[in-house]
PDB file of all heavy atoms in Angstrom:
ATOM      1  N   PRO A   1       2.313   4.689 -11.967  1.00  0.00           N
ATOM      2  CA  PRO A   1       2.372   3.715 -10.846  1.00  0.00           C
ATOM      3  C   PRO A   1       1.864   2.388 -11.261  1.00  0.00           C
ATOM      4  O   PRO A   1       2.339   1.288 -10.888  1.00  0.00           O
ATOM      5  CB  PRO A   1       1.553   4.363  -9.724  1.00  0.00           C
ATOM      6  CG  PRO A   1       1.572   5.830 -10.053  1.00  0.00           C
ATOM      7  CD  PRO A   1       1.610   5.890 -11.538  1.00  0.00           C
ATOM      8  N   VAL A   2       0.818   2.427 -12.094  1.00  0.00           N
ATOM      9  CA  VAL A   2       0.182   1.150 -12.575  1.00  0.00           C
ATOM     10  C   VAL A   2       1.184   0.331 -13.404  1.00  0.00           C
ATOM     11  O   VAL A   2       1.267  -0.896 -13.247  1.00  0.00           O
ATOM     12  CB  VAL A   2      -1.033   1.393 -13.430  1.00  0.00           C
ATOM     13  CG1 VAL A   2      -1.549   0.149 -14.111  1.00  0.00           C
ATOM     14  CG2 VAL A   2      -2.176   1.977 -12.523  1.00  0.00           C
ATOM     15  N   SER A   3       1.934   0.974 -14.264  1.00  0.00           N
ATOM     16  CA  SER A   3       2.933   0.259 -15.091  1.00  0.00           C
ATOM     17  C   SER A   3       4.045  -0.381 -14.157  1.00  0.00           C
ATOM     18  O   SER A   3       4.391  -1.509 -14.324  1.00  0.00           O
ATOM     19  CB  SER A   3       3.531   1.188 -16.059  1.00  0.00           C
ATOM     20  OG  SER A   3       4.511   0.426 -16.901  1.00  0.00           O
ATOM     21  N   VAL A   4       4.515   0.410 -13.238  1.00  0.00           N
ATOM     22  CA  VAL A   4       5.493  -0.058 -12.281  1.00  0.00           C
ATOM     23  C   VAL A   4       4.975  -1.275 -11.462  1.00  0.00           C
ATOM     24  O   VAL A   4       5.619  -2.297 -11.258  1.00  0.00           O
ATOM     25  CB  VAL A   4       6.047   0.997 -11.333  1.00  0.00           C
ATOM     26  CG1 VAL A   4       7.023   0.456 -10.341  1.00  0.00           C
ATOM     27  CG2 VAL A   4       6.647   2.167 -12.135  1.00  0.00           C
ATOM     28  N   LEU A   5       3.729  -1.107 -11.043  1.00  0.00           N
ATOM     29  CA  LEU A   5       3.030  -2.155 -10.247  1.00  0.00           C
ATOM     30  C   LEU A   5       2.976  -3.495 -11.041  1.00  0.00           C
ATOM     31  O   LEU A   5       3.239  -4.539 -10.514  1.00  0.00           O
ATOM     32  CB  LEU A   5       1.684  -1.650  -9.876  1.00  0.00           C
ATOM     33  CG  LEU A   5       0.935  -2.320  -8.671  1.00  0.00           C
ATOM     34  CD1 LEU A   5       1.770  -2.259  -7.428  1.00  0.00           C
ATOM     35  CD2 LEU A   5      -0.431  -1.730  -8.463  1.00  0.00           C
ATOM     36  N   TYR A   6       2.596  -3.407 -12.317  1.00  0.00           N
ATOM     37  CA  TYR A   6       2.485  -4.579 -13.161  1.00  0.00           C
ATOM     38  C   TYR A   6       3.821  -5.285 -13.330  1.00  0.00           C
ATOM     39  O   TYR A   6       3.934  -6.465 -13.101  1.00  0.00           O
ATOM     40  CB  TYR A   6       1.848  -4.282 -14.493  1.00  0.00           C
ATOM     41  CG  TYR A   6       0.366  -4.451 -14.607  1.00  0.00           C
ATOM     42  CD1 TYR A   6      -0.459  -3.357 -14.245  1.00  0.00           C
ATOM     43  CD2 TYR A   6      -0.205  -5.622 -14.938  1.00  0.00           C
ATOM     44  CE1 TYR A   6      -1.802  -3.507 -14.254  1.00  0.00           C
ATOM     45  CE2 TYR A   6      -1.616  -5.754 -15.052  1.00  0.00           C
ATOM     46  CZ  TYR A   6      -2.434  -4.731 -14.685  1.00  0.00           C
ATOM     47  OH  TYR A   6      -3.753  -4.863 -14.741  1.00  0.00           O
ATOM     48  N   ALA A   7       4.814  -4.537 -13.653  1.00  0.00           N
ATOM     49  CA  ALA A   7       6.148  -5.100 -13.927  1.00  0.00           C
ATOM     50  C   ALA A   7       6.679  -5.777 -12.671  1.00  0.00           C
ATOM     51  O   ALA A   7       7.305  -6.823 -12.655  1.00  0.00           O
ATOM     52  CB  ALA A   7       7.161  -4.129 -14.528  1.00  0.00           C
ATOM     53  N   LEU A   8       6.634  -5.034 -11.480  1.00  0.00           N
ATOM     54  CA  LEU A   8       7.134  -5.638 -10.215  1.00  0.00           C
ATOM     55  C   LEU A   8       6.323  -6.785  -9.750  1.00  0.00           C
ATOM     56  O   LEU A   8       6.859  -7.730  -9.186  1.00  0.00           O
ATOM     57  CB  LEU A   8       7.181  -4.514  -9.192  1.00  0.00           C
ATOM     58  CG  LEU A   8       8.230  -3.401  -9.363  1.00  0.00           C
ATOM     59  CD1 LEU A   8       8.181  -2.371  -8.264  1.00  0.00           C
ATOM     60  CD2 LEU A   8       9.663  -3.948  -9.556  1.00  0.00           C
ATOM     61  N   ALA A   9       5.036  -6.762 -10.042  1.00  0.00           N
ATOM     62  CA  ALA A   9       4.180  -7.896  -9.615  1.00  0.00           C
ATOM     63  C   ALA A   9       4.505  -9.118 -10.381  1.00  0.00           C
ATOM     64  O   ALA A   9       4.547 -10.260  -9.807  1.00  0.00           O
ATOM     65  CB  ALA A   9       2.708  -7.549  -9.796  1.00  0.00           C
ATOM     66  N   MET A  10       4.778  -8.978 -11.707  1.00  0.00           N
ATOM     67  CA  MET A  10       5.228 -10.078 -12.501  1.00  0.00           C
ATOM     68  C   MET A  10       6.492 -10.677 -11.975  1.00  0.00           C
ATOM     69  O   MET A  10       6.697 -11.875 -11.857  1.00  0.00           O
ATOM     70  CB  MET A  10       5.380  -9.707 -13.980  1.00  0.00           C
ATOM     71  CG  MET A  10       4.099  -9.465 -14.745  1.00  0.00           C
ATOM     72  SD  MET A  10       4.431  -9.507 -16.572  1.00  0.00           S
ATOM     73  CE  MET A  10       5.530  -8.151 -16.760  1.00  0.00           C
ATOM     74  N   THR A  11       7.406  -9.795 -11.607  1.00  0.00           N
ATOM     75  CA  THR A  11       8.731 -10.227 -11.099  1.00  0.00           C
ATOM     76  C   THR A  11       8.549 -10.907  -9.723  1.00  0.00           C
ATOM     77  O   THR A  11       9.216 -11.919  -9.469  1.00  0.00           O
ATOM     78  CB  THR A  11       9.655  -9.072 -10.944  1.00  0.00           C
ATOM     79  OG1 THR A  11       9.637  -8.260 -12.187  1.00  0.00           O
ATOM     80  CG2 THR A  11      11.096  -9.538 -10.737  1.00  0.00           C
ATOM     81  N   ALA A  12       7.688 -10.305  -8.882  1.00  0.00           N
ATOM     82  CA  ALA A  12       7.537 -10.904  -7.537  1.00  0.00           C
ATOM     83  C   ALA A  12       7.018 -12.322  -7.577  1.00  0.00           C
ATOM     84  O   ALA A  12       7.264 -13.097  -6.577  1.00  0.00           O
ATOM     85  CB  ALA A  12       6.602  -9.995  -6.738  1.00  0.00           C
ATOM     86  N   ASN A  13       6.333 -12.726  -8.658  1.00  0.00           N
ATOM     87  CA  ASN A  13       5.893 -14.098  -8.742  1.00  0.00           C
ATOM     88  C   ASN A  13       6.983 -15.118  -8.808  1.00  0.00           C
ATOM     89  O   ASN A  13       6.818 -16.313  -8.626  1.00  0.00           O
ATOM     90  CB  ASN A  13       4.947 -14.260  -9.967  1.00  0.00           C
ATOM     91  CG  ASN A  13       3.519 -13.830  -9.634  1.00  0.00           C
ATOM     92  OD1 ASN A  13       2.873 -14.505  -8.842  1.00  0.00           O
ATOM     93  ND2 ASN A  13       3.115 -12.762 -10.252  1.00  0.00           N
ATOM     94  N   GLY A  14       8.209 -14.654  -9.091  1.00  0.00           N
ATOM     95  CA  GLY A  14       9.425 -15.481  -9.124  1.00  0.00           C
ATOM     96  C   GLY A  14      10.336 -15.306  -7.893  1.00  0.00           C
ATOM     97  O   GLY A  14      11.416 -15.912  -7.805  1.00  0.00           O
ATOM     98  N   ALA A  15       9.914 -14.472  -6.939  1.00  0.00           N
ATOM     99  CA  ALA A  15      10.749 -14.141  -5.813  1.00  0.00           C
ATOM    100  C   ALA A  15      10.368 -15.080  -4.612  1.00  0.00           C
ATOM    101  O   ALA A  15       9.330 -15.592  -4.512  1.00  0.00           O
ATOM    102  CB  ALA A  15      10.588 -12.692  -5.388  1.00  0.00           C
ATOM    103  N   GLY A  16      11.368 -15.142  -3.653  1.00  0.00           N
ATOM    104  CA  GLY A  16      11.090 -15.933  -2.432  1.00  0.00           C
ATOM    105  C   GLY A  16      11.805 -15.422  -1.317  1.00  0.00           C
ATOM    106  O   GLY A  16      12.617 -14.402  -1.436  1.00  0.00           O
ATOM    107  N   GLY A  17      11.561 -15.944  -0.120  1.00  0.00           N
ATOM    108  CA  GLY A  17      12.246 -15.501   1.058  1.00  0.00           C
ATOM    109  C   GLY A  17      12.151 -13.990   1.382  1.00  0.00           C
ATOM    110  O   GLY A  17      11.064 -13.389   1.230  1.00  0.00           O
ATOM    111  N   GLU A  18      13.198 -13.420   1.897  1.00  0.00           N
ATOM    112  CA  GLU A  18      13.251 -12.027   2.268  1.00  0.00           C
ATOM    113  C   GLU A  18      13.092 -11.095   1.077  1.00  0.00           C
ATOM    114  O   GLU A  18      12.558  -9.993   1.172  1.00  0.00           O
ATOM    115  CB  GLU A  18      14.585 -11.649   2.964  1.00  0.00           C
ATOM    116  CG  GLU A  18      14.695 -10.183   3.548  1.00  0.00           C
ATOM    117  CD  GLU A  18      13.652  -9.925   4.539  1.00  0.00           C
ATOM    118  OE1 GLU A  18      13.011 -10.823   5.148  1.00  0.00           O
ATOM    119  OE2 GLU A  18      13.409  -8.689   4.785  1.00  0.00           O
ATOM    120  N   THR A  19      13.548 -11.538  -0.091  1.00  0.00           N
ATOM    121  CA  THR A  19      13.309 -10.782  -1.381  1.00  0.00           C
ATOM    122  C   THR A  19      11.838 -10.538  -1.608  1.00  0.00           C
ATOM    123  O   THR A  19      11.401  -9.402  -1.921  1.00  0.00           O
ATOM    124  CB  THR A  19      14.005 -11.483  -2.575  1.00  0.00           C
ATOM    125  OG1 THR A  19      15.387 -11.620  -2.307  1.00  0.00           O
ATOM    126  CG2 THR A  19      13.816 -10.633  -3.814  1.00  0.00           C
ATOM    127  N   LEU A  20      11.028 -11.632  -1.510  1.00  0.00           N
ATOM    128  CA  LEU A  20       9.594 -11.537  -1.654  1.00  0.00           C
ATOM    129  C   LEU A  20       8.996 -10.618  -0.601  1.00  0.00           C
ATOM    130  O   LEU A  20       8.130  -9.819  -0.901  1.00  0.00           O
ATOM    131  CB  LEU A  20       9.030 -12.895  -1.707  1.00  0.00           C
ATOM    132  CG  LEU A  20       7.459 -12.941  -1.840  1.00  0.00           C
ATOM    133  CD1 LEU A  20       6.979 -12.246  -3.122  1.00  0.00           C
ATOM    134  CD2 LEU A  20       6.935 -14.362  -1.777  1.00  0.00           C
ATOM    135  N   THR A  21       9.354 -10.837   0.673  1.00  0.00           N
ATOM    136  CA  THR A  21       8.814 -10.121   1.767  1.00  0.00           C
ATOM    137  C   THR A  21       9.054  -8.551   1.561  1.00  0.00           C
ATOM    138  O   THR A  21       8.070  -7.780   1.716  1.00  0.00           O
ATOM    139  CB  THR A  21       9.490 -10.491   3.126  1.00  0.00           C
ATOM    140  OG1 THR A  21       9.230 -11.925   3.296  1.00  0.00           O
ATOM    141  CG2 THR A  21       8.985  -9.706   4.217  1.00  0.00           C
ATOM    142  N   GLN A  22      10.248  -8.202   1.156  1.00  0.00           N
ATOM    143  CA  GLN A  22      10.537  -6.813   0.918  1.00  0.00           C
ATOM    144  C   GLN A  22       9.668  -6.243  -0.308  1.00  0.00           C
ATOM    145  O   GLN A  22       9.228  -5.145  -0.202  1.00  0.00           O
ATOM    146  CB  GLN A  22      11.975  -6.561   0.566  1.00  0.00           C
ATOM    147  CG  GLN A  22      12.901  -6.820   1.776  1.00  0.00           C
ATOM    148  CD  GLN A  22      14.410  -6.643   1.472  1.00  0.00           C
ATOM    149  OE1 GLN A  22      14.776  -6.221   0.345  1.00  0.00           O
ATOM    150  NE2 GLN A  22      15.268  -6.851   2.413  1.00  0.00           N
ATOM    151  N   MET A  23       9.592  -7.037  -1.332  1.00  0.00           N
ATOM    152  CA  MET A  23       8.801  -6.530  -2.502  1.00  0.00           C
ATOM    153  C   MET A  23       7.381  -6.400  -2.127  1.00  0.00           C
ATOM    154  O   MET A  23       6.710  -5.465  -2.473  1.00  0.00           O
ATOM    155  CB  MET A  23       8.967  -7.565  -3.668  1.00  0.00           C
ATOM    156  CG  MET A  23      10.383  -7.595  -4.251  1.00  0.00           C
ATOM    157  SD  MET A  23      10.589  -8.685  -5.724  1.00  0.00           S
ATOM    158  CE  MET A  23       9.760  -7.691  -6.988  1.00  0.00           C
ATOM    159  N   GLU A  24       6.827  -7.364  -1.368  1.00  0.00           N
ATOM    160  CA  GLU A  24       5.397  -7.245  -0.999  1.00  0.00           C
ATOM    161  C   GLU A  24       5.213  -6.027  -0.008  1.00  0.00           C
ATOM    162  O   GLU A  24       4.158  -5.328  -0.151  1.00  0.00           O
ATOM    163  CB  GLU A  24       4.926  -8.502  -0.331  1.00  0.00           C
ATOM    164  CG  GLU A  24       4.795  -9.731  -1.282  1.00  0.00           C
ATOM    165  CD  GLU A  24       4.396 -10.977  -0.675  1.00  0.00           C
ATOM    166  OE1 GLU A  24       4.720 -11.116   0.549  1.00  0.00           O
ATOM    167  OE2 GLU A  24       3.766 -11.763  -1.309  1.00  0.00           O
ATOM    168  N   ASP A  25       6.138  -5.744   0.873  1.00  0.00           N
ATOM    169  CA  ASP A  25       6.014  -4.579   1.772  1.00  0.00           C
ATOM    170  C   ASP A  25       5.980  -3.332   0.952  1.00  0.00           C
ATOM    171  O   ASP A  25       5.300  -2.407   1.192  1.00  0.00           O
ATOM    172  CB  ASP A  25       7.219  -4.615   2.755  1.00  0.00           C
ATOM    173  CG  ASP A  25       7.048  -5.612   3.813  1.00  0.00           C
ATOM    174  OD1 ASP A  25       5.968  -6.213   4.012  1.00  0.00           O
ATOM    175  OD2 ASP A  25       8.067  -5.897   4.503  1.00  0.00           O
ATOM    176  N   VAL A  26       6.826  -3.258  -0.120  1.00  0.00           N
ATOM    177  CA  VAL A  26       6.900  -1.957  -0.966  1.00  0.00           C
ATOM    178  C   VAL A  26       5.622  -1.926  -1.745  1.00  0.00           C
ATOM    179  O   VAL A  26       5.055  -0.815  -1.899  1.00  0.00           O
ATOM    180  CB  VAL A  26       8.173  -2.043  -1.899  1.00  0.00           C
ATOM    181  CG1 VAL A  26       8.054  -0.892  -2.929  1.00  0.00           C
ATOM    182  CG2 VAL A  26       9.378  -1.881  -1.017  1.00  0.00           C
ATOM    183  N   LEU A  27       5.175  -2.969  -2.336  1.00  0.00           N
ATOM    184  CA  LEU A  27       4.021  -2.950  -3.152  1.00  0.00           C
ATOM    185  C   LEU A  27       2.678  -2.739  -2.398  1.00  0.00           C
ATOM    186  O   LEU A  27       1.683  -2.289  -2.915  1.00  0.00           O
ATOM    187  CB  LEU A  27       3.890  -4.339  -3.988  1.00  0.00           C
ATOM    188  CG  LEU A  27       4.994  -4.537  -5.042  1.00  0.00           C
ATOM    189  CD1 LEU A  27       4.944  -5.934  -5.573  1.00  0.00           C
ATOM    190  CD2 LEU A  27       4.949  -3.502  -6.113  1.00  0.00           C
ATOM    191  N   GLY A  28       2.744  -3.147  -1.102  1.00  0.00           N
ATOM    192  CA  GLY A  28       1.593  -2.921  -0.283  1.00  0.00           C
ATOM    193  C   GLY A  28       0.574  -3.988  -0.251  1.00  0.00           C
ATOM    194  O   GLY A  28      -0.472  -3.963   0.510  1.00  0.00           O
ATOM    195  N   LEU A  29       0.822  -5.089  -1.042  1.00  0.00           N
ATOM    196  CA  LEU A  29      -0.074  -6.227  -1.047  1.00  0.00           C
ATOM    197  C   LEU A  29       0.771  -7.473  -1.233  1.00  0.00           C
ATOM    198  O   LEU A  29       1.869  -7.384  -1.830  1.00  0.00           O
ATOM    199  CB  LEU A  29      -1.029  -6.087  -2.263  1.00  0.00           C
ATOM    200  CG  LEU A  29      -2.112  -5.006  -2.188  1.00  0.00           C
ATOM    201  CD1 LEU A  29      -2.820  -4.858  -3.544  1.00  0.00           C
ATOM    202  CD2 LEU A  29      -3.226  -5.416  -1.117  1.00  0.00           C
ATOM    203  N   SER A  30       0.309  -8.534  -0.795  1.00  0.00           N
ATOM    204  CA  SER A  30       0.962  -9.860  -1.082  1.00  0.00           C
ATOM    205  C   SER A  30       0.702 -10.231  -2.507  1.00  0.00           C
ATOM    206  O   SER A  30      -0.181  -9.739  -3.171  1.00  0.00           O
ATOM    207  CB  SER A  30       0.435 -10.979  -0.161  1.00  0.00           C
ATOM    208  OG  SER A  30      -0.968 -11.247  -0.517  1.00  0.00           O
ATOM    209  N   VAL A  31       1.632 -11.077  -3.023  1.00  0.00           N
ATOM    210  CA  VAL A  31       1.442 -11.540  -4.440  1.00  0.00           C
ATOM    211  C   VAL A  31       0.066 -12.214  -4.559  1.00  0.00           C
ATOM    212  O   VAL A  31      -0.557 -12.048  -5.593  1.00  0.00           O
ATOM    213  CB  VAL A  31       2.602 -12.534  -4.762  1.00  0.00           C
ATOM    214  CG1 VAL A  31       2.282 -13.276  -6.066  1.00  0.00           C
ATOM    215  CG2 VAL A  31       3.863 -11.756  -4.848  1.00  0.00           C
ATOM    216  N   GLU A  32      -0.371 -12.940  -3.560  1.00  0.00           N
ATOM    217  CA  GLU A  32      -1.630 -13.666  -3.704  1.00  0.00           C
ATOM    218  C   GLU A  32      -2.865 -12.670  -3.768  1.00  0.00           C
ATOM    219  O   GLU A  32      -3.854 -12.955  -4.373  1.00  0.00           O
ATOM    220  CB  GLU A  32      -1.860 -14.560  -2.466  1.00  0.00           C
ATOM    221  CG  GLU A  32      -0.994 -15.869  -2.444  1.00  0.00           C
ATOM    222  CD  GLU A  32       0.483 -15.468  -1.950  1.00  0.00           C
ATOM    223  OE1 GLU A  32       0.704 -14.331  -1.449  1.00  0.00           O
ATOM    224  OE2 GLU A  32       1.324 -16.346  -2.216  1.00  0.00           O
ATOM    225  N   GLU A  33      -2.629 -11.489  -3.189  1.00  0.00           N
ATOM    226  CA  GLU A  33      -3.726 -10.456  -3.336  1.00  0.00           C
ATOM    227  C   GLU A  33      -3.577  -9.602  -4.545  1.00  0.00           C
ATOM    228  O   GLU A  33      -4.581  -9.212  -5.269  1.00  0.00           O
ATOM    229  CB  GLU A  33      -3.635  -9.498  -2.061  1.00  0.00           C
ATOM    230  CG  GLU A  33      -4.008 -10.204  -0.789  1.00  0.00           C
ATOM    231  CD  GLU A  33      -3.629  -9.308   0.421  1.00  0.00           C
ATOM    232  OE1 GLU A  33      -2.540  -8.629   0.410  1.00  0.00           O
ATOM    233  OE2 GLU A  33      -4.447  -9.304   1.407  1.00  0.00           O
ATOM    234  N   LEU A  34      -2.290  -9.268  -4.883  1.00  0.00           N
ATOM    235  CA  LEU A  34      -2.051  -8.297  -6.005  1.00  0.00           C
ATOM    236  C   LEU A  34      -2.296  -8.900  -7.348  1.00  0.00           C
ATOM    237  O   LEU A  34      -2.834  -8.292  -8.271  1.00  0.00           O
ATOM    238  CB  LEU A  34      -0.594  -7.858  -5.877  1.00  0.00           C
ATOM    239  CG  LEU A  34      -0.161  -6.732  -6.889  1.00  0.00           C
ATOM    240  CD1 LEU A  34      -1.024  -5.534  -6.790  1.00  0.00           C
ATOM    241  CD2 LEU A  34       1.346  -6.413  -6.666  1.00  0.00           C
ATOM    242  N   THR A  35      -1.889 -10.213  -7.555  1.00  0.00           N
ATOM    243  CA  THR A  35      -2.073 -10.816  -8.855  1.00  0.00           C
ATOM    244  C   THR A  35      -3.469 -10.834  -9.381  1.00  0.00           C
ATOM    245  O   THR A  35      -3.797 -10.398 -10.402  1.00  0.00           O
ATOM    246  CB  THR A  35      -1.447 -12.216  -8.843  1.00  0.00           C
ATOM    247  OG1 THR A  35      -0.003 -12.100  -8.616  1.00  0.00           O
ATOM    248  CG2 THR A  35      -1.676 -12.968 -10.191  1.00  0.00           C
ATOM    249  N   PRO A  36      -4.446 -11.346  -8.536  1.00  0.00           N
ATOM    250  CA  PRO A  36      -5.814 -11.295  -9.061  1.00  0.00           C
ATOM    251  C   PRO A  36      -6.443  -9.953  -9.167  1.00  0.00           C
ATOM    252  O   PRO A  36      -7.274  -9.598  -9.986  1.00  0.00           O
ATOM    253  CB  PRO A  36      -6.626 -12.194  -8.025  1.00  0.00           C
ATOM    254  CG  PRO A  36      -5.766 -12.192  -6.817  1.00  0.00           C
ATOM    255  CD  PRO A  36      -4.342 -12.071  -7.225  1.00  0.00           C
ATOM    256  N   TYR A  37      -5.949  -9.015  -8.305  1.00  0.00           N
ATOM    257  CA  TYR A  37      -6.419  -7.606  -8.333  1.00  0.00           C
ATOM    258  C   TYR A  37      -6.004  -7.004  -9.705  1.00  0.00           C
ATOM    259  O   TYR A  37      -6.927  -6.349 -10.329  1.00  0.00           O
ATOM    260  CB  TYR A  37      -5.840  -6.761  -7.169  1.00  0.00           C
ATOM    261  CG  TYR A  37      -6.174  -5.322  -7.330  1.00  0.00           C
ATOM    262  CD1 TYR A  37      -7.472  -4.845  -6.971  1.00  0.00           C
ATOM    263  CD2 TYR A  37      -5.256  -4.359  -7.847  1.00  0.00           C
ATOM    264  CE1 TYR A  37      -7.768  -3.505  -7.079  1.00  0.00           C
ATOM    265  CE2 TYR A  37      -5.603  -3.063  -8.028  1.00  0.00           C
ATOM    266  CZ  TYR A  37      -6.864  -2.601  -7.631  1.00  0.00           C
ATOM    267  OH  TYR A  37      -7.192  -1.291  -7.817  1.00  0.00           O
ATOM    268  N   LEU A  38      -4.813  -7.155 -10.149  1.00  0.00           N
ATOM    269  CA  LEU A  38      -4.365  -6.513 -11.347  1.00  0.00           C
ATOM    270  C   LEU A  38      -5.003  -7.157 -12.541  1.00  0.00           C
ATOM    271  O   LEU A  38      -5.300  -6.532 -13.523  1.00  0.00           O
ATOM    272  CB  LEU A  38      -2.792  -6.683 -11.497  1.00  0.00           C
ATOM    273  CG  LEU A  38      -2.002  -5.822 -10.478  1.00  0.00           C
ATOM    274  CD1 LEU A  38      -0.544  -6.050 -10.676  1.00  0.00           C
ATOM    275  CD2 LEU A  38      -2.331  -4.326 -10.649  1.00  0.00           C
ATOM    276  N   TYR A  39      -5.297  -8.486 -12.466  1.00  0.00           N
ATOM    277  CA  TYR A  39      -6.080  -9.096 -13.522  1.00  0.00           C
ATOM    278  C   TYR A  39      -7.475  -8.457 -13.669  1.00  0.00           C
ATOM    279  O   TYR A  39      -7.861  -8.125 -14.787  1.00  0.00           O
ATOM    280  CB  TYR A  39      -6.183 -10.615 -13.255  1.00  0.00           C
ATOM    281  CG  TYR A  39      -7.000 -11.323 -14.302  1.00  0.00           C
ATOM    282  CD1 TYR A  39      -6.368 -11.972 -15.369  1.00  0.00           C
ATOM    283  CD2 TYR A  39      -8.369 -11.497 -14.166  1.00  0.00           C
ATOM    284  CE1 TYR A  39      -7.071 -12.733 -16.344  1.00  0.00           C
ATOM    285  CE2 TYR A  39      -9.147 -12.184 -15.049  1.00  0.00           C
ATOM    286  CZ  TYR A  39      -8.495 -12.777 -16.168  1.00  0.00           C
ATOM    287  OH  TYR A  39      -9.241 -13.459 -17.165  1.00  0.00           O
ATOM    288  N   ALA A  40      -8.177  -8.338 -12.533  1.00  0.00           N
ATOM    289  CA  ALA A  40      -9.526  -7.797 -12.557  1.00  0.00           C
ATOM    290  C   ALA A  40      -9.481  -6.314 -13.003  1.00  0.00           C
ATOM    291  O   ALA A  40     -10.297  -5.857 -13.713  1.00  0.00           O
ATOM    292  CB  ALA A  40     -10.059  -7.830 -11.134  1.00  0.00           C
ATOM    293  N   TYR A  41      -8.377  -5.541 -12.579  1.00  0.00           N
ATOM    294  CA  TYR A  41      -8.311  -4.223 -13.031  1.00  0.00           C
ATOM    295  C   TYR A  41      -8.143  -4.098 -14.540  1.00  0.00           C
ATOM    296  O   TYR A  41      -8.827  -3.275 -15.159  1.00  0.00           O
ATOM    297  CB  TYR A  41      -7.042  -3.569 -12.359  1.00  0.00           C
ATOM    298  CG  TYR A  41      -6.834  -2.117 -12.718  1.00  0.00           C
ATOM    299  CD1 TYR A  41      -7.514  -1.063 -12.111  1.00  0.00           C
ATOM    300  CD2 TYR A  41      -5.917  -1.802 -13.713  1.00  0.00           C
ATOM    301  CE1 TYR A  41      -7.296   0.226 -12.458  1.00  0.00           C
ATOM    302  CE2 TYR A  41      -5.675  -0.448 -14.034  1.00  0.00           C
ATOM    303  CZ  TYR A  41      -6.358   0.530 -13.423  1.00  0.00           C
ATOM    304  OH  TYR A  41      -6.156   1.816 -13.793  1.00  0.00           O
ATOM    305  N   LYS A  42      -7.363  -4.885 -15.124  1.00  0.00           N
ATOM    306  CA  LYS A  42      -7.119  -4.892 -16.564  1.00  0.00           C
ATOM    307  C   LYS A  42      -8.401  -5.283 -17.310  1.00  0.00           C
ATOM    308  O   LYS A  42      -8.714  -4.659 -18.362  1.00  0.00           O
ATOM    309  CB  LYS A  42      -5.975  -5.820 -16.949  1.00  0.00           C
ATOM    310  CG  LYS A  42      -5.648  -5.802 -18.426  1.00  0.00           C
ATOM    311  CD  LYS A  42      -4.404  -6.651 -18.688  1.00  0.00           C
ATOM    312  CE  LYS A  42      -3.876  -6.587 -20.126  1.00  0.00           C
ATOM    313  NZ  LYS A  42      -4.846  -7.131 -21.162  1.00  0.00           N
ATOM    314  N   GLU A  43      -9.088  -6.280 -16.801  1.00  0.00           N
ATOM    315  CA  GLU A  43     -10.334  -6.708 -17.442  1.00  0.00           C
ATOM    316  C   GLU A  43     -11.416  -5.652 -17.386  1.00  0.00           C
ATOM    317  O   GLU A  43     -12.288  -5.625 -18.252  1.00  0.00           O
ATOM    318  CB  GLU A  43     -10.847  -7.994 -16.761  1.00  0.00           C
ATOM    319  CG  GLU A  43     -10.031  -9.222 -17.005  1.00  0.00           C
ATOM    320  CD  GLU A  43      -9.972  -9.630 -18.496  1.00  0.00           C
ATOM    321  OE1 GLU A  43     -11.022  -9.878 -19.080  1.00  0.00           O
ATOM    322  OE2 GLU A  43      -8.854  -9.551 -19.058  1.00  0.00           O
ATOM    323  N   ALA A  44     -11.352  -4.800 -16.319  1.00  0.00           N
ATOM    324  CA  ALA A  44     -12.445  -3.785 -16.162  1.00  0.00           C
ATOM    325  C   ALA A  44     -12.186  -2.508 -16.936  1.00  0.00           C
ATOM    326  O   ALA A  44     -13.030  -1.656 -17.083  1.00  0.00           O
ATOM    327  CB  ALA A  44     -12.546  -3.424 -14.678  1.00  0.00           C
ATOM    328  N   LEU A  45     -10.999  -2.377 -17.633  1.00  0.00           N
ATOM    329  CA  LEU A  45     -10.682  -1.172 -18.316  1.00  0.00           C
ATOM    330  C   LEU A  45     -11.601  -1.038 -19.571  1.00  0.00           C
ATOM    331  O   LEU A  45     -11.807  -1.929 -20.312  1.00  0.00           O
ATOM    332  CB  LEU A  45      -9.208  -1.134 -18.813  1.00  0.00           C
ATOM    333  CG  LEU A  45      -8.177  -1.063 -17.621  1.00  0.00           C
ATOM    334  CD1 LEU A  45      -6.767  -1.191 -18.198  1.00  0.00           C
ATOM    335  CD2 LEU A  45      -8.367   0.215 -16.783  1.00  0.00           C
ATOM    336  N   ALA A  46     -12.096   0.163 -19.776  1.00  0.00           N
ATOM    337  CA  ALA A  46     -12.982   0.433 -20.835  1.00  0.00           C
ATOM    338  C   ALA A  46     -12.232   1.012 -22.062  1.00  0.00           C
ATOM    339  O   ALA A  46     -11.227   1.646 -21.949  1.00  0.00           O
ATOM    340  CB  ALA A  46     -14.020   1.492 -20.434  1.00  0.00           C
ATOM    341  N   SER A  47     -12.773   0.621 -23.216  1.00  0.00           N
ATOM    342  CA  SER A  47     -12.243   1.141 -24.512  1.00  0.00           C
ATOM    343  C   SER A  47     -13.451   1.572 -25.400  1.00  0.00           C
ATOM    344  O   SER A  47     -14.467   0.935 -25.378  1.00  0.00           O
ATOM    345  CB  SER A  47     -11.387   0.119 -25.247  1.00  0.00           C
ATOM    346  OG  SER A  47     -10.204  -0.104 -24.556  1.00  0.00           O
TER     347      SER A  47
END
């Protein structure tokens, strides 16, 4: 799910109108919420 979330979030940054609304409804977060969340998630990953 994380991989799908990242790829769709990247794509959603180029979407508009009803296309964006549907994508945000499916993803469960707005692009404005999801983009910084995924950045913080990646930065927090341990190796």
